[in-house]
Amino acid sequence: MVIRFKELEKKRMEKPRGGVGFVDADVYKDILNIEGKITAFNHMTLGSGSSIGYHQHVDDMEIYLILEGKAKYNNNGEEVFVEKGDLTFCNKNELHSIEAIDEKGVQFLAVIIG
């Protein structure tokens, strides 16, 4: 299956998960029809200075693959800096957040697995 980027549903979320600013999501909705338990597969663009607030994944886990830019990632209370090519993983019952620190923002692939 090929899912064309230009055909994706576009969403803007203000103050995502209690963060600041906004994030634009390109939603790979068709991937949800495959076997398995992927519940979200999105290309995300977090504007400069914007963040997704610190939150817990109780019944699922989330992976971020950084595509462009730099960000500060909070992994269970430990802040680290991530950049292109880095992959983050938030397991069940763990907490995380991400903040764009690059003047052009940060782009990443976000995958939630239930």
C-alpha atoms as a PDB file:
ATOM      1  CA  MET A   1       0.000   0.000   0.000  1.00  0.00           C
ATOM      2  CA  VAL A   2       1.208   3.525  -0.774  1.00  0.00           C
ATOM      3  CA  ILE A   3      -0.227   6.434   1.164  1.00  0.00           C
ATOM      4  CA  ARG A   4       0.422   9.753  -0.599  1.00  0.00           C
ATOM      5  CA  PHE A   5       1.508  12.613   1.646  1.00  0.00           C
ATOM      6  CA  LYS A   6      -0.342  15.195  -0.466  1.00  0.00           C
ATOM      7  CA  GLU A   7      -3.644  13.321   0.100  1.00  0.00           C
ATOM      8  CA  LEU A   8      -3.480  13.215   3.905  1.00  0.00           C
ATOM      9  CA  GLU A   9      -6.052  14.809   6.191  1.00  0.00           C
ATOM     10  CA  LYS A  10      -4.624  17.984   7.754  1.00  0.00           C
ATOM     11  CA  LYS A  11      -5.353  18.925  11.379  1.00  0.00           C
ATOM     12  CA  ARG A  12      -4.224  21.818  13.566  1.00  0.00           C
ATOM     13  CA  MET A  13      -4.357  21.357  17.324  1.00  0.00           C
ATOM     14  CA  GLU A  14      -4.048  24.370  19.626  1.00  0.00           C
ATOM     15  CA  LYS A  15      -2.259  23.890  22.972  1.00  0.00           C
ATOM     16  CA  PRO A  16      -1.912  20.116  22.469  1.00  0.00           C
ATOM     17  CA  ARG A  17      -2.138  18.086  25.680  1.00  0.00           C
ATOM     18  CA  GLY A  18      -1.814  21.247  27.759  1.00  0.00           C
ATOM     19  CA  GLY A  19       1.235  22.531  25.847  1.00  0.00           C
ATOM     20  CA  VAL A  20       1.665  25.934  24.257  1.00  0.00           C
ATOM     21  CA  GLY A  21       1.271  27.113  20.673  1.00  0.00           C
ATOM     22  CA  PHE A  22       0.115  24.633  18.082  1.00  0.00           C
ATOM     23  CA  VAL A  23       0.987  21.467  16.208  1.00  0.00           C
ATOM     24  CA  ASP A  24      -0.049  20.661  12.646  1.00  0.00           C
ATOM     25  CA  ALA A  25      -0.706  16.974  11.955  1.00  0.00           C
ATOM     26  CA  ASP A  26      -0.763  15.187   8.617  1.00  0.00           C
ATOM     27  CA  VAL A  27      -2.875  12.163   9.513  1.00  0.00           C
ATOM     28  CA  TYR A  28      -2.046   8.748   8.008  1.00  0.00           C
ATOM     29  CA  LYS A  29      -5.546   7.480   8.777  1.00  0.00           C
ATOM     30  CA  ASP A  30      -5.494   4.623   6.220  1.00  0.00           C
ATOM     31  CA  ILE A  31      -2.664   2.850   8.104  1.00  0.00           C
ATOM     32  CA  LEU A  32      -5.167   2.163  10.894  1.00  0.00           C
ATOM     33  CA  ASN A  33      -6.801  -0.510   8.709  1.00  0.00           C
ATOM     34  CA  ILE A  34      -3.766  -2.812   8.825  1.00  0.00           C
ATOM     35  CA  GLU A  35      -3.492  -5.787  11.154  1.00  0.00           C
ATOM     36  CA  GLY A  36      -2.178  -4.802  14.552  1.00  0.00           C
ATOM     37  CA  LYS A  37      -2.909  -2.116  17.063  1.00  0.00           C
ATOM     38  CA  ILE A  38      -1.617   1.127  15.573  1.00  0.00           C
ATOM     39  CA  THR A  39      -4.073   3.803  16.702  1.00  0.00           C
ATOM     40  CA  ALA A  40      -2.326   6.877  15.242  1.00  0.00           C
ATOM     41  CA  PHE A  41       0.322   7.394  12.548  1.00  0.00           C
ATOM     42  CA  ASN A  42       0.874  11.126  11.956  1.00  0.00           C
ATOM     43  CA  HIS A  43       3.403  13.494  10.396  1.00  0.00           C
ATOM     44  CA  MET A  44       3.614  16.336  12.927  1.00  0.00           C
ATOM     45  CA  THR A  45       4.920  19.893  12.568  1.00  0.00           C
ATOM     46  CA  LEU A  46       5.421  21.638  15.885  1.00  0.00           C
ATOM     47  CA  GLY A  47       5.854  25.406  15.463  1.00  0.00           C
ATOM     48  CA  SER A  48       8.895  27.185  16.898  1.00  0.00           C
ATOM     49  CA  GLY A  49       8.451  27.593  20.659  1.00  0.00           C
ATOM     50  CA  SER A  50       5.420  25.278  20.639  1.00  0.00           C
ATOM     51  CA  SER A  51       5.150  22.148  22.737  1.00  0.00           C
ATOM     52  CA  ILE A  52       3.072  19.077  23.396  1.00  0.00           C
ATOM     53  CA  GLY A  53       2.514  19.054  27.153  1.00  0.00           C
ATOM     54  CA  TYR A  54       3.820  16.489  29.607  1.00  0.00           C
ATOM     55  CA  HIS A  55       1.363  13.579  29.592  1.00  0.00           C
ATOM     56  CA  GLN A  56       1.116   9.879  30.425  1.00  0.00           C
ATOM     57  CA  HIS A  57       0.377   6.963  28.118  1.00  0.00           C
ATOM     58  CA  VAL A  58      -1.711   4.551  30.182  1.00  0.00           C
ATOM     59  CA  ASP A  59      -3.100   2.029  27.701  1.00  0.00           C
ATOM     60  CA  ASP A  60      -0.786   2.704  24.766  1.00  0.00           C
ATOM     61  CA  MET A  61       2.763   3.724  23.840  1.00  0.00           C
ATOM     62  CA  GLU A  62       4.137   6.376  21.480  1.00  0.00           C
ATOM     63  CA  ILE A  63       7.134   6.645  19.167  1.00  0.00           C
ATOM     64  CA  TYR A  64       8.488   9.896  17.683  1.00  0.00           C
ATOM     65  CA  LEU A  65      10.934   9.840  14.764  1.00  0.00           C
ATOM     66  CA  ILE A  66      12.501  13.292  14.362  1.00  0.00           C
ATOM     67  CA  LEU A  67      12.534  14.258  10.675  1.00  0.00           C
ATOM     68  CA  GLU A  68      13.715  17.902  10.754  1.00  0.00           C
ATOM     69  CA  GLY A  69      14.718  20.437  13.377  1.00  0.00           C
ATOM     70  CA  LYS A  70      15.652  20.180  17.036  1.00  0.00           C
ATOM     71  CA  ALA A  71      13.530  19.697  20.137  1.00  0.00           C
ATOM     72  CA  LYS A  72      13.712  19.273  23.888  1.00  0.00           C
ATOM     73  CA  TYR A  73      12.173  15.921  24.853  1.00  0.00           C
ATOM     74  CA  ASN A  74      11.101  15.127  28.407  1.00  0.00           C
ATOM     75  CA  ASN A  75      11.381  11.397  29.057  1.00  0.00           C
ATOM     76  CA  ASN A  76       9.855  10.598  32.466  1.00  0.00           C
ATOM     77  CA  GLY A  77      11.267  13.788  33.976  1.00  0.00           C
ATOM     78  CA  GLU A  78      14.659  13.651  32.225  1.00  0.00           C
ATOM     79  CA  GLU A  79      15.101  16.352  29.577  1.00  0.00           C
ATOM     80  CA  VAL A  80      17.197  15.510  26.526  1.00  0.00           C
ATOM     81  CA  PHE A  81      17.732  17.221  23.189  1.00  0.00           C
ATOM     82  CA  VAL A  82      16.744  15.389  20.006  1.00  0.00           C
ATOM     83  CA  GLU A  83      17.387  16.095  16.334  1.00  0.00           C
ATOM     84  CA  LYS A  84      16.951  14.631  12.861  1.00  0.00           C
ATOM     85  CA  GLY A  85      17.155  10.839  12.878  1.00  0.00           C
ATOM     86  CA  ASP A  86      16.605  10.421  16.620  1.00  0.00           C
ATOM     87  CA  LEU A  87      13.751   8.160  17.721  1.00  0.00           C
ATOM     88  CA  THR A  88      11.967   8.463  21.059  1.00  0.00           C
ATOM     89  CA  PHE A  89       9.823   5.819  22.717  1.00  0.00           C
ATOM     90  CA  CYS A  90       7.305   6.339  25.526  1.00  0.00           C
ATOM     91  CA  ASN A  91       6.186   2.982  26.900  1.00  0.00           C
ATOM     92  CA  LYS A  92       2.889   2.203  28.649  1.00  0.00           C
ATOM     93  CA  ASN A  93       2.505   4.053  31.974  1.00  0.00           C
ATOM     94  CA  GLU A  94       5.397   6.402  31.150  1.00  0.00           C
ATOM     95  CA  LEU A  95       5.286  10.178  30.652  1.00  0.00           C
ATOM     96  CA  HIS A  96       6.711  12.475  27.997  1.00  0.00           C
ATOM     97  CA  SER A  97       6.545  15.878  26.294  1.00  0.00           C
ATOM     98  CA  ILE A  98       8.290  17.621  23.399  1.00  0.00           C
ATOM     99  CA  GLU A  99       9.134  21.284  22.742  1.00  0.00           C
ATOM    100  CA  ALA A 100      10.408  22.740  19.461  1.00  0.00           C
ATOM    101  CA  ILE A 101      13.633  24.697  20.051  1.00  0.00           C
ATOM    102  CA  ASP A 102      14.605  25.185  16.398  1.00  0.00           C
ATOM    103  CA  GLU A 103      13.588  28.558  14.908  1.00  0.00           C
ATOM    104  CA  LYS A 104      11.901  26.670  12.053  1.00  0.00           C
ATOM    105  CA  GLY A 105      10.087  24.292  14.409  1.00  0.00           C
ATOM    106  CA  VAL A 106      10.412  20.519  14.382  1.00  0.00           C
ATOM    107  CA  GLN A 107       8.855  17.839  12.182  1.00  0.00           C
ATOM    108  CA  PHE A 108       8.400  14.300  13.407  1.00  0.00           C
ATOM    109  CA  LEU A 109       6.489  11.119  12.773  1.00  0.00           C
ATOM    110  CA  ALA A 110       4.266  10.166  15.722  1.00  0.00           C
ATOM    111  CA  VAL A 111       3.040   6.578  16.051  1.00  0.00           C
ATOM    112  CA  ILE A 112       0.732   5.457  18.864  1.00  0.00           C
ATOM    113  CA  ILE A 113       0.460   1.714  19.473  1.00  0.00           C
ATOM    114  CA  GLY A 114      -2.361   0.385  21.672  1.00  0.00           C
END
